[in-house]
């Protein structure tokens, strides 16, 4: 898939960028997207919630009334959950909500999310730019020129750019990340993806199956070479 590159004025240039079909052109796996988003949100939870049970409430331990003859139910302690101020039954306790997800499953989720945005036509590419000083007004002008004003936007940079980050930080519907930090939640949480030209190649290399296969092959070749080389002093 190829998309045109736009300049900061919102005009189409003669350049085009190639999006890897193994990243942006697969059949989206919605269940993988669900699992990855669920894991990310679960890992963000602090799990510090706590309520007091009846054994932790500080009240008198004396018996409230005699056992029989009152015409009402038995009551042995004011700490009972039946009374106002008593302990809570089955209340929350500190726990760890985080869980693991297979790396291949996470990669599939990211590819599925990107493919879903590509199928919907919600990806736009602009030329790389660097602002001399942080200026939200200047960045908002660029945003309007791309006809993306008012939409929830995910801006993907090829590398860290402090001025661009500071310029977009105050915009309520925009989030800026670098290409190596692309994740399923941010992709699905945005209406449109605004790629800087240099970020496309980075995402292709990180998530492309062909490139990943080459990396695996190189690792296997290196390990085979090392295993065939015997240390000095070993018997032949």
C-alpha atoms as a PDB file:
ATOM      1  CA  UNK A   1       0.000   0.000   0.000  1.00  0.00           C
ATOM      2  CA  UNK A   2       1.281   3.452  -0.917  1.00  0.00           C
ATOM      3  CA  UNK A   3       0.145   6.814   0.432  1.00  0.00           C
ATOM      4  CA  UNK A   4       1.067  10.309  -0.652  1.00  0.00           C
ATOM      5  CA  UNK A   5       3.134  12.573   1.575  1.00  0.00           C
ATOM      6  CA  UNK A   6       1.630  15.955   2.441  1.00  0.00           C
ATOM      7  CA  UNK A   7       3.545  19.086   3.374  1.00  0.00           C
ATOM      8  CA  UNK A   8       2.809  21.249   6.388  1.00  0.00           C
ATOM      9  CA  UNK A   9       0.457  23.378   4.277  1.00  0.00           C
ATOM     10  CA  UNK A  10      -1.742  20.354   3.634  1.00  0.00           C
ATOM     11  CA  UNK A  11      -0.789  20.086  -0.028  1.00  0.00           C
ATOM     12  CA  UNK A  12       0.054  16.750  -1.630  1.00  0.00           C
ATOM     13  CA  UNK A  13       3.683  16.325  -2.666  1.00  0.00           C
ATOM     14  CA  UNK A  14       5.108  14.112  -5.409  1.00  0.00           C
ATOM     15  CA  UNK A  15       6.578  11.676  -2.854  1.00  0.00           C
ATOM     16  CA  UNK A  16       4.902   8.471  -1.748  1.00  0.00           C
ATOM     17  CA  UNK A  17       5.677   6.102   1.105  1.00  0.00           C
ATOM     18  CA  UNK A  18       5.245   2.353   1.063  1.00  0.00           C
ATOM     19  CA  UNK A  19       3.306   0.674   3.877  1.00  0.00           C
ATOM     20  CA  UNK A  20       4.196  -2.973   4.412  1.00  0.00           C
ATOM     21  CA  UNK A  21       1.179  -5.137   3.566  1.00  0.00           C
ATOM     22  CA  UNK A  22       2.145  -7.568   6.344  1.00  0.00           C
ATOM     23  CA  UNK A  23       1.638  -4.710   8.821  1.00  0.00           C
ATOM     24  CA  UNK A  24      -1.054  -2.510   7.295  1.00  0.00           C
ATOM     25  CA  UNK A  25      -2.842  -4.937   4.990  1.00  0.00           C
ATOM     26  CA  UNK A  26      -3.785  -8.006   7.014  1.00  0.00           C
ATOM     27  CA  UNK A  27      -7.231  -9.188   8.059  1.00  0.00           C
ATOM     28  CA  UNK A  28      -7.745  -7.512  11.475  1.00  0.00           C
ATOM     29  CA  UNK A  29      -7.957  -9.934  14.385  1.00  0.00           C
ATOM     30  CA  UNK A  30     -10.397  -8.235  16.743  1.00  0.00           C
ATOM     31  CA  UNK A  31      -9.858 -10.742  19.554  1.00  0.00           C
ATOM     32  CA  UNK A  32      -6.111 -10.075  19.556  1.00  0.00           C
ATOM     33  CA  UNK A  33      -6.845  -6.352  19.758  1.00  0.00           C
ATOM     34  CA  UNK A  34      -9.171  -6.968  22.699  1.00  0.00           C
ATOM     35  CA  UNK A  35      -6.575  -9.036  24.576  1.00  0.00           C
ATOM     36  CA  UNK A  36      -3.797  -6.495  24.062  1.00  0.00           C
ATOM     37  CA  UNK A  37      -5.925  -3.517  25.140  1.00  0.00           C
ATOM     38  CA  UNK A  38      -7.194  -5.477  28.141  1.00  0.00           C
ATOM     39  CA  UNK A  39      -3.635  -6.301  29.214  1.00  0.00           C
ATOM     40  CA  UNK A  40      -2.409  -2.719  28.853  1.00  0.00           C
ATOM     41  CA  UNK A  41      -5.291  -1.273  30.872  1.00  0.00           C
ATOM     42  CA  UNK A  42      -4.961  -3.999  33.511  1.00  0.00           C
ATOM     43  CA  UNK A  43      -1.231  -3.358  33.892  1.00  0.00           C
ATOM     44  CA  UNK A  44      -1.941   0.326  34.498  1.00  0.00           C
ATOM     45  CA  UNK A  45      -4.106  -0.412  37.543  1.00  0.00           C
ATOM     46  CA  UNK A  46      -2.398   0.258  40.854  1.00  0.00           C
ATOM     47  CA  UNK A  47      -4.411  -2.273  42.808  1.00  0.00           C
ATOM     48  CA  UNK A  48      -4.036  -0.306  46.074  1.00  0.00           C
ATOM     49  CA  UNK A  49      -7.754  -0.339  46.931  1.00  0.00           C
ATOM     50  CA  UNK A  50      -8.585  -1.518  50.447  1.00  0.00           C
ATOM     51  CA  UNK A  51     -11.637  -1.666  52.693  1.00  0.00           C
ATOM     52  CA  UNK A  52     -11.788  -2.750  56.329  1.00  0.00           C
ATOM     53  CA  UNK A  53     -13.315  -6.035  57.298  1.00  0.00           C
ATOM     54  CA  UNK A  54     -15.041  -6.543  60.638  1.00  0.00           C
ATOM     55  CA  UNK A  55     -11.800  -7.637  62.267  1.00  0.00           C
ATOM     56  CA  UNK A  56     -10.091  -4.363  61.296  1.00  0.00           C
ATOM     57  CA  UNK A  57     -12.759  -1.841  62.349  1.00  0.00           C
ATOM     58  CA  UNK A  58     -11.971  -0.052  65.623  1.00  0.00           C
ATOM     59  CA  UNK A  59     -15.075  -0.326  67.774  1.00  0.00           C
ATOM     60  CA  UNK A  60     -16.026  -1.689  71.172  1.00  0.00           C
ATOM     61  CA  UNK A  61     -16.167  -5.456  71.432  1.00  0.00           C
ATOM     62  CA  UNK A  62     -18.860  -5.614  74.106  1.00  0.00           C
ATOM     63  CA  UNK A  63     -22.088  -7.405  73.393  1.00  0.00           C
ATOM     64  CA  UNK A  64     -24.741  -4.881  72.356  1.00  0.00           C
ATOM     65  CA  UNK A  65     -27.744  -6.461  74.068  1.00  0.00           C
ATOM     66  CA  UNK A  66     -28.790  -9.636  75.754  1.00  0.00           C
ATOM     67  CA  UNK A  67     -29.109 -12.738  73.678  1.00  0.00           C
ATOM     68  CA  UNK A  68     -32.807 -13.433  74.225  1.00  0.00           C
ATOM     69  CA  UNK A  69     -35.962 -11.650  75.172  1.00  0.00           C
ATOM     70  CA  UNK A  70     -35.643  -8.491  73.059  1.00  0.00           C
ATOM     71  CA  UNK A  71     -37.879  -9.640  70.212  1.00  0.00           C
ATOM     72  CA  UNK A  72     -35.162  -8.851  67.695  1.00  0.00           C
ATOM     73  CA  UNK A  73     -32.291 -10.629  66.095  1.00  0.00           C
ATOM     74  CA  UNK A  74     -29.180 -11.556  68.013  1.00  0.00           C
ATOM     75  CA  UNK A  75     -26.410  -8.944  67.933  1.00  0.00           C
ATOM     76  CA  UNK A  76     -22.981  -9.675  69.329  1.00  0.00           C
ATOM     77  CA  UNK A  77     -20.782  -6.892  67.932  1.00  0.00           C
ATOM     78  CA  UNK A  78     -21.186  -3.419  66.492  1.00  0.00           C
ATOM     79  CA  UNK A  79     -18.437  -4.355  64.018  1.00  0.00           C
ATOM     80  CA  UNK A  80     -20.944  -6.498  62.148  1.00  0.00           C
ATOM     81  CA  UNK A  81     -21.463  -5.487  58.490  1.00  0.00           C
ATOM     82  CA  UNK A  82     -25.181  -5.192  59.297  1.00  0.00           C
ATOM     83  CA  UNK A  83     -24.543  -1.985  61.289  1.00  0.00           C
ATOM     84  CA  UNK A  84     -23.554   1.447  60.014  1.00  0.00           C
ATOM     85  CA  UNK A  85     -19.798   1.823  60.383  1.00  0.00           C
ATOM     86  CA  UNK A  86     -19.224  -1.898  60.571  1.00  0.00           C
ATOM     87  CA  UNK A  87     -16.821  -3.895  58.453  1.00  0.00           C
ATOM     88  CA  UNK A  88     -17.420  -4.552  54.788  1.00  0.00           C
ATOM     89  CA  UNK A  89     -18.193  -8.012  53.489  1.00  0.00           C
ATOM     90  CA  UNK A  90     -15.945  -9.225  50.673  1.00  0.00           C
ATOM     91  CA  UNK A  91     -14.471  -5.768  50.174  1.00  0.00           C
ATOM     92  CA  UNK A  92     -11.513  -5.004  47.868  1.00  0.00           C
ATOM     93  CA  UNK A  93      -8.008  -5.841  49.036  1.00  0.00           C
ATOM     94  CA  UNK A  94      -4.644  -4.900  47.468  1.00  0.00           C
ATOM     95  CA  UNK A  95      -3.840  -7.080  44.475  1.00  0.00           C
ATOM     96  CA  UNK A  96      -1.802  -7.164  41.284  1.00  0.00           C
ATOM     97  CA  UNK A  97      -3.974  -6.887  38.163  1.00  0.00           C
ATOM     98  CA  UNK A  98      -1.133  -7.261  35.654  1.00  0.00           C
ATOM     99  CA  UNK A  99      -0.888 -10.295  33.431  1.00  0.00           C
ATOM    100  CA  UNK A 100       1.271 -11.430  30.537  1.00  0.00           C
ATOM    101  CA  UNK A 101       0.489 -11.764  26.868  1.00  0.00           C
ATOM    102  CA  UNK A 102       2.433 -13.669  24.238  1.00  0.00           C
ATOM    103  CA  UNK A 103       4.773 -11.447  22.168  1.00  0.00           C
ATOM    104  CA  UNK A 104       3.413 -12.812  18.909  1.00  0.00           C
ATOM    105  CA  UNK A 105      -0.116 -12.084  20.086  1.00  0.00           C
ATOM    106  CA  UNK A 106       0.826  -8.491  20.912  1.00  0.00           C
ATOM    107  CA  UNK A 107       2.488  -8.025  17.524  1.00  0.00           C
ATOM    108  CA  UNK A 108      -0.612  -9.434  15.800  1.00  0.00           C
ATOM    109  CA  UNK A 109      -2.777  -6.999  17.771  1.00  0.00           C
ATOM    110  CA  UNK A 110      -0.687  -4.006  16.675  1.00  0.00           C
ATOM    111  CA  UNK A 111      -0.740  -5.127  13.050  1.00  0.00           C
ATOM    112  CA  UNK A 112      -4.508  -5.676  13.257  1.00  0.00           C
ATOM    113  CA  UNK A 113      -5.078  -2.217  14.726  1.00  0.00           C
ATOM    114  CA  UNK A 114      -2.939  -0.542  12.052  1.00  0.00           C
ATOM    115  CA  UNK A 115      -4.637  -2.556   9.292  1.00  0.00           C
ATOM    116  CA  UNK A 116      -8.040  -1.539  10.607  1.00  0.00           C
ATOM    117  CA  UNK A 117      -7.092   2.146  10.418  1.00  0.00           C
ATOM    118  CA  UNK A 118      -5.644   1.639   6.935  1.00  0.00           C
ATOM    119  CA  UNK A 119      -8.814  -0.084   5.696  1.00  0.00           C
ATOM    120  CA  UNK A 120     -10.899   2.805   7.048  1.00  0.00           C
ATOM    121  CA  UNK A 121      -8.636   5.387   5.370  1.00  0.00           C
ATOM    122  CA  UNK A 122      -7.697   6.999   8.669  1.00  0.00           C
ATOM    123  CA  UNK A 123      -3.942   7.268   8.049  1.00  0.00           C
ATOM    124  CA  UNK A 124      -2.197  10.398   6.799  1.00  0.00           C
ATOM    125  CA  UNK A 125       1.504  11.047   6.189  1.00  0.00           C
ATOM    126  CA  UNK A 126       3.215  14.441   6.435  1.00  0.00           C
ATOM    127  CA  UNK A 127       6.798  15.394   5.767  1.00  0.00           C
ATOM    128  CA  UNK A 128       9.233  15.416   8.667  1.00  0.00           C
ATOM    129  CA  UNK A 129       9.397  18.762  10.428  1.00  0.00           C
ATOM    130  CA  UNK A 130      11.120  20.293  13.409  1.00  0.00           C
ATOM    131  CA  UNK A 131       9.910  23.406  15.187  1.00  0.00           C
ATOM    132  CA  UNK A 132      12.486  25.944  16.347  1.00  0.00           C
ATOM    133  CA  UNK A 133      10.543  26.635  19.531  1.00  0.00           C
ATOM    134  CA  UNK A 134       7.543  24.996  21.207  1.00  0.00           C
ATOM    135  CA  UNK A 135       4.480  26.752  19.800  1.00  0.00           C
ATOM    136  CA  UNK A 136       1.038  25.217  20.232  1.00  0.00           C
ATOM    137  CA  UNK A 137      -0.417  27.832  17.889  1.00  0.00           C
ATOM    138  CA  UNK A 138       1.926  26.820  15.072  1.00  0.00           C
ATOM    139  CA  UNK A 139       1.218  23.137  15.545  1.00  0.00           C
ATOM    140  CA  UNK A 140      -2.540  23.784  15.618  1.00  0.00           C
ATOM    141  CA  UNK A 141      -2.190  25.522  12.269  1.00  0.00           C
ATOM    142  CA  UNK A 142      -0.472  22.449  10.811  1.00  0.00           C
ATOM    143  CA  UNK A 143      -3.228  20.279  12.284  1.00  0.00           C
ATOM    144  CA  UNK A 144      -5.925  22.363  10.606  1.00  0.00           C
ATOM    145  CA  UNK A 145      -4.063  22.313   7.282  1.00  0.00           C
ATOM    146  CA  UNK A 146      -4.240  18.500   7.315  1.00  0.00           C
ATOM    147  CA  UNK A 147      -8.047  18.735   7.724  1.00  0.00           C
ATOM    148  CA  UNK A 148      -7.856  16.738  10.944  1.00  0.00           C
ATOM    149  CA  UNK A 149      -9.019  19.456  13.318  1.00  0.00           C
ATOM    150  CA  UNK A 150     -11.527  18.262  15.920  1.00  0.00           C
ATOM    151  CA  UNK A 151     -10.640  14.586  15.530  1.00  0.00           C
ATOM    152  CA  UNK A 152      -8.824  12.547  18.140  1.00  0.00           C
ATOM    153  CA  UNK A 153      -5.343  12.286  16.679  1.00  0.00           C
ATOM    154  CA  UNK A 154      -2.321  10.058  17.286  1.00  0.00           C
ATOM    155  CA  UNK A 155       0.898  11.668  16.034  1.00  0.00           C
ATOM    156  CA  UNK A 156       3.700   9.190  15.332  1.00  0.00           C
ATOM    157  CA  UNK A 157       7.244  10.591  15.190  1.00  0.00           C
ATOM    158  CA  UNK A 158      10.337   8.782  13.884  1.00  0.00           C
ATOM    159  CA  UNK A 159      12.319   9.836  16.962  1.00  0.00           C
ATOM    160  CA  UNK A 160      11.983  11.994  20.039  1.00  0.00           C
ATOM    161  CA  UNK A 161      11.287  15.635  19.166  1.00  0.00           C
ATOM    162  CA  UNK A 162      10.916  17.827  22.213  1.00  0.00           C
ATOM    163  CA  UNK A 163       9.530  20.899  20.459  1.00  0.00           C
ATOM    164  CA  UNK A 164       6.863  18.940  18.585  1.00  0.00           C
ATOM    165  CA  UNK A 165       5.910  17.111  21.767  1.00  0.00           C
ATOM    166  CA  UNK A 166       5.616  20.314  23.796  1.00  0.00           C
ATOM    167  CA  UNK A 167       3.686  22.028  21.001  1.00  0.00           C
ATOM    168  CA  UNK A 168       1.054  19.270  20.863  1.00  0.00           C
ATOM    169  CA  UNK A 169       0.876  18.520  24.568  1.00  0.00           C
ATOM    170  CA  UNK A 170      -1.790  21.134  25.338  1.00  0.00           C
ATOM    171  CA  UNK A 171      -4.125  19.957  22.580  1.00  0.00           C
ATOM    172  CA  UNK A 172      -6.871  17.899  24.265  1.00  0.00           C
ATOM    173  CA  UNK A 173      -7.470  15.528  21.328  1.00  0.00           C
ATOM    174  CA  UNK A 174      -3.868  14.878  20.313  1.00  0.00           C
ATOM    175  CA  UNK A 175      -1.226  12.491  21.601  1.00  0.00           C
ATOM    176  CA  UNK A 176       2.367  12.279  20.399  1.00  0.00           C
ATOM    177  CA  UNK A 177       4.492   9.114  20.546  1.00  0.00           C
ATOM    178  CA  UNK A 178       7.575   7.808  18.770  1.00  0.00           C
ATOM    179  CA  UNK A 179       7.332   4.953  16.249  1.00  0.00           C
ATOM    180  CA  UNK A 180       9.036   2.423  18.502  1.00  0.00           C
ATOM    181  CA  UNK A 181       6.359   2.996  21.187  1.00  0.00           C
ATOM    182  CA  UNK A 182       3.324   2.343  18.979  1.00  0.00           C
ATOM    183  CA  UNK A 183       0.780   0.272  20.888  1.00  0.00           C
ATOM    184  CA  UNK A 184      -2.672  -1.120  20.217  1.00  0.00           C
ATOM    185  CA  UNK A 185      -4.525   1.007  22.765  1.00  0.00           C
ATOM    186  CA  UNK A 186      -3.285   4.354  21.432  1.00  0.00           C
ATOM    187  CA  UNK A 187      -4.061   3.299  17.868  1.00  0.00           C
ATOM    188  CA  UNK A 188      -7.618   2.242  18.678  1.00  0.00           C
ATOM    189  CA  UNK A 189      -8.195   5.234  20.954  1.00  0.00           C
ATOM    190  CA  UNK A 190      -7.545   7.673  18.085  1.00  0.00           C
ATOM    191  CA  UNK A 191      -9.755   8.548  15.148  1.00  0.00           C
ATOM    192  CA  UNK A 192      -6.829   9.206  12.812  1.00  0.00           C
ATOM    193  CA  UNK A 193      -3.112   8.422  12.681  1.00  0.00           C
ATOM    194  CA  UNK A 194      -0.734  11.165  11.551  1.00  0.00           C
ATOM    195  CA  UNK A 195       2.577   9.615  10.523  1.00  0.00           C
ATOM    196  CA  UNK A 196       5.704  11.654  10.050  1.00  0.00           C
ATOM    197  CA  UNK A 197       7.387  10.423   6.865  1.00  0.00           C
ATOM    198  CA  UNK A 198      10.370   8.869   8.641  1.00  0.00           C
ATOM    199  CA  UNK A 199       8.180   6.968  11.109  1.00  0.00           C
ATOM    200  CA  UNK A 200       6.606   4.733   8.463  1.00  0.00           C
ATOM    201  CA  UNK A 201       9.823   2.857   7.705  1.00  0.00           C
ATOM    202  CA  UNK A 202      10.474   2.298  11.422  1.00  0.00           C
ATOM    203  CA  UNK A 203       7.037   0.754  11.961  1.00  0.00           C
ATOM    204  CA  UNK A 204       7.505  -1.402   8.853  1.00  0.00           C
ATOM    205  CA  UNK A 205      10.814  -2.713  10.202  1.00  0.00           C
ATOM    206  CA  UNK A 206       9.540  -3.301  13.739  1.00  0.00           C
ATOM    207  CA  UNK A 207       6.323  -5.128  12.840  1.00  0.00           C
ATOM    208  CA  UNK A 208       6.967  -6.470   9.341  1.00  0.00           C
ATOM    209  CA  UNK A 209       6.949 -10.268   9.314  1.00  0.00           C
ATOM    210  CA  UNK A 210       9.545 -10.524   6.532  1.00  0.00           C
ATOM    211  CA  UNK A 211      12.026  -8.343   8.390  1.00  0.00           C
ATOM    212  CA  UNK A 212      11.386 -10.221  11.616  1.00  0.00           C
ATOM    213  CA  UNK A 213      11.988 -13.531   9.812  1.00  0.00           C
ATOM    214  CA  UNK A 214      15.314 -12.223   8.517  1.00  0.00           C
ATOM    215  CA  UNK A 215      16.338 -11.212  12.010  1.00  0.00           C
ATOM    216  CA  UNK A 216      15.417 -14.670  13.345  1.00  0.00           C
ATOM    217  CA  UNK A 217      17.372 -16.352  10.523  1.00  0.00           C
ATOM    218  CA  UNK A 218      20.438 -14.249  11.295  1.00  0.00           C
ATOM    219  CA  UNK A 219      20.230 -15.149  14.972  1.00  0.00           C
ATOM    220  CA  UNK A 220      19.936 -18.845  14.129  1.00  0.00           C
ATOM    221  CA  UNK A 221      22.906 -18.647  11.748  1.00  0.00           C
ATOM    222  CA  UNK A 222      25.039 -16.926  14.377  1.00  0.00           C
ATOM    223  CA  UNK A 223      24.102 -19.510  16.997  1.00  0.00           C
ATOM    224  CA  UNK A 224      24.958 -22.366  14.604  1.00  0.00           C
ATOM    225  CA  UNK A 225      28.353 -20.846  13.846  1.00  0.00           C
ATOM    226  CA  UNK A 226      29.104 -20.426  17.545  1.00  0.00           C
ATOM    227  CA  UNK A 227      28.054 -24.015  18.301  1.00  0.00           C
ATOM    228  CA  UNK A 228      30.363 -25.380  15.560  1.00  0.00           C
ATOM    229  CA  UNK A 229      33.399 -23.496  16.859  1.00  0.00           C
ATOM    230  CA  UNK A 230      35.062 -25.544  19.604  1.00  0.00           C
ATOM    231  CA  UNK A 231      36.986 -23.779  22.361  1.00  0.00           C
ATOM    232  CA  UNK A 232      40.747 -23.940  22.391  1.00  0.00           C
ATOM    233  CA  UNK A 233      42.202 -26.965  24.161  1.00  0.00           C
ATOM    234  CA  UNK A 234      39.141 -29.141  23.475  1.00  0.00           C
ATOM    235  CA  UNK A 235      39.520 -32.632  22.059  1.00  0.00           C
ATOM    236  CA  UNK A 236      38.997 -33.097  18.330  1.00  0.00           C
END
